Amino acid sequence: QVRLVESGGDSVQAGGSLKLSCRTSGLTFKIHDMKWYRQAPGKERELVASISSSGGTNYTDSVKGRFTISRDNSRNTVFLQMNNLEPEDTARYYCNVRFRSQPFWGQGTQVTVSS
């Protein structure tokens, strides 16, 4: 059974930093691309960052230069380092993986940035 568990969300002031973690189980982590999404109240869920099995990364424009996605295959975990946070980053953050053509999601972790 595939399971994703996010952690690391918190309430911070603008300009602060957080590091989110997503621990996975039930799959061969190292062969899967991993993604971070976020969803703010009243908005659609959006893709924030992705990392391929080979380590290639992509980011949505609004977080480029501020967020860094990384992975530790020995710990079956993907991370999202978020620096210089802005109030617009306030959202619930979810990690995602496609396993056997099906999307799997964690429960999310809340990030709140105050001005």
Protein backbone atom coordinates (compact mmCIF):
# COMPACT_ATOMS: atom_id res chain seq x y z
CA GLN A 1 0.00 0.00 0.00
CA VAL A 2 1.44 3.34 -1.10
CA ARG A 3 1.52 5.91 1.66
CA LEU A 4 2.74 9.51 1.68
CA VAL A 5 3.14 11.47 4.91
CA GLU A 6 3.97 15.19 4.78
CA SER A 7 5.37 17.19 7.67
CA GLY A 8 7.12 20.46 8.40
CA GLY A 9 4.34 22.97 7.84
CA ASP A 10 4.05 25.87 10.25
CA SER A 11 3.09 29.52 10.65
CA VAL A 12 5.91 31.92 9.83
CA GLN A 13 6.39 35.57 9.03
CA ALA A 14 7.15 36.81 5.54
CA GLY A 15 10.81 36.33 4.71
CA GLY A 16 11.06 33.20 6.82
CA SER A 17 11.96 29.66 5.81
CA LEU A 18 10.47 26.20 6.17
CA LYS A 19 11.50 22.74 5.05
CA LEU A 20 8.75 20.31 4.20
CA SER A 21 9.27 16.56 4.17
CA CYS A 22 7.28 13.78 2.53
CA ARG A 23 8.07 10.29 3.71
CA THR A 24 6.89 7.50 1.43
CA SER A 25 6.32 3.79 1.81
CA GLY A 26 4.90 0.98 -0.27
CA LEU A 27 6.81 1.75 -3.46
CA THR A 28 10.32 1.66 -4.90
CA PHE A 29 10.91 5.30 -4.20
CA LYS A 30 14.09 5.79 -6.23
CA ILE A 31 12.43 5.02 -9.57
CA HIS A 32 9.55 7.46 -9.21
CA ASP A 33 9.25 11.13 -10.07
CA MET A 34 7.94 13.11 -7.10
CA LYS A 35 5.95 16.33 -7.00
CA TRP A 36 4.87 18.99 -4.52
CA TYR A 37 1.51 20.69 -5.00
CA ARG A 38 -0.24 23.35 -2.97
CA GLN A 39 -3.81 24.49 -2.58
CA ALA A 40 -4.90 27.78 -1.10
CA PRO A 41 -8.49 28.35 0.09
CA GLY A 42 -10.79 28.96 -2.84
CA LYS A 43 -8.11 28.13 -5.39
CA GLU A 44 -7.26 25.12 -7.49
CA ARG A 45 -4.43 22.84 -6.53
CA GLU A 46 -1.26 23.89 -8.35
CA LEU A 47 2.00 22.14 -9.10
CA VAL A 48 4.85 23.82 -7.24
CA ALA A 49 7.89 21.66 -7.94
CA SER A 50 8.87 18.29 -9.29
CA ILE A 51 11.94 16.08 -9.18
CA SER A 52 12.59 13.19 -11.50
CA SER A 53 14.05 9.84 -10.53
CA SER A 54 17.37 11.05 -11.95
CA GLY A 55 17.25 14.29 -9.95
CA GLY A 56 16.10 16.76 -12.57
CA THR A 57 13.96 19.55 -11.13
CA ASN A 58 11.27 21.94 -12.30
CA TYR A 59 9.49 24.80 -10.53
CA THR A 60 6.52 26.99 -11.11
CA ASP A 61 7.62 30.54 -11.92
CA SER A 62 6.39 32.07 -8.67
CA VAL A 63 8.77 29.99 -6.52
CA LYS A 64 11.87 29.90 -8.72
CA GLY A 65 14.90 31.05 -6.80
CA ARG A 66 13.13 30.64 -3.47
CA PHE A 67 12.14 26.96 -3.26
CA THR A 68 14.33 23.89 -3.71
CA ILE A 69 13.05 20.36 -4.14
CA SER A 70 15.33 17.47 -3.28
CA ARG A 71 15.16 13.78 -2.50
CA ASP A 72 16.94 11.27 -0.30
CA ASN A 73 16.48 7.84 -1.82
CA SER A 74 18.03 6.17 1.24
CA ARG A 75 15.18 7.56 3.35
CA ASN A 76 12.42 7.32 0.72
CA THR A 77 11.77 10.99 1.33
CA VAL A 78 11.30 14.11 -0.79
CA PHE A 79 11.86 17.60 0.59
CA LEU A 80 10.82 21.13 -0.24
CA GLN A 81 13.06 23.86 1.14
CA MET A 82 11.16 27.14 1.09
CA ASN A 83 13.05 30.40 1.63
CA ASN A 84 11.98 34.02 1.57
CA LEU A 85 8.38 33.00 2.09
CA GLU A 86 5.63 35.36 1.01
CA PRO A 87 2.00 35.62 2.17
CA GLU A 88 1.01 34.32 -1.26
CA ASP A 89 2.71 31.01 -0.38
CA THR A 90 0.06 30.34 2.24
CA ALA A 91 -1.56 27.03 1.34
CA ARG A 92 -1.80 23.37 2.21
CA TYR A 93 1.12 21.55 0.62
CA TYR A 94 0.81 18.00 -0.71
CA CYS A 95 3.29 15.56 -2.16
CA ASN A 96 2.27 13.38 -5.04
CA VAL A 97 3.45 10.31 -6.87
CA ARG A 98 2.04 8.31 -9.75
CA PHE A 99 2.22 4.60 -9.01
CA ARG A 100 0.95 2.08 -11.56
CA SER A 101 -0.74 4.97 -13.41
CA GLN A 102 -2.65 6.10 -10.33
CA PRO A 103 -2.00 9.34 -8.43
CA PHE A 104 -1.35 9.08 -4.72
CA TRP A 105 -1.50 11.97 -2.28
CA GLY A 106 -0.59 12.57 1.32
CA GLN A 107 -2.82 14.35 3.80
CA GLY A 108 -0.94 17.61 3.32
CA THR A 109 0.81 20.01 5.66
CA GLN A 110 -0.32 23.61 6.27
CA VAL A 111 1.96 26.55 5.58
CA THR A 112 0.78 29.97 6.73
CA VAL A 113 2.83 33.08 6.00
CA SER A 114 1.90 36.34 7.67
CA SER A 115 2.96 39.78 6.49
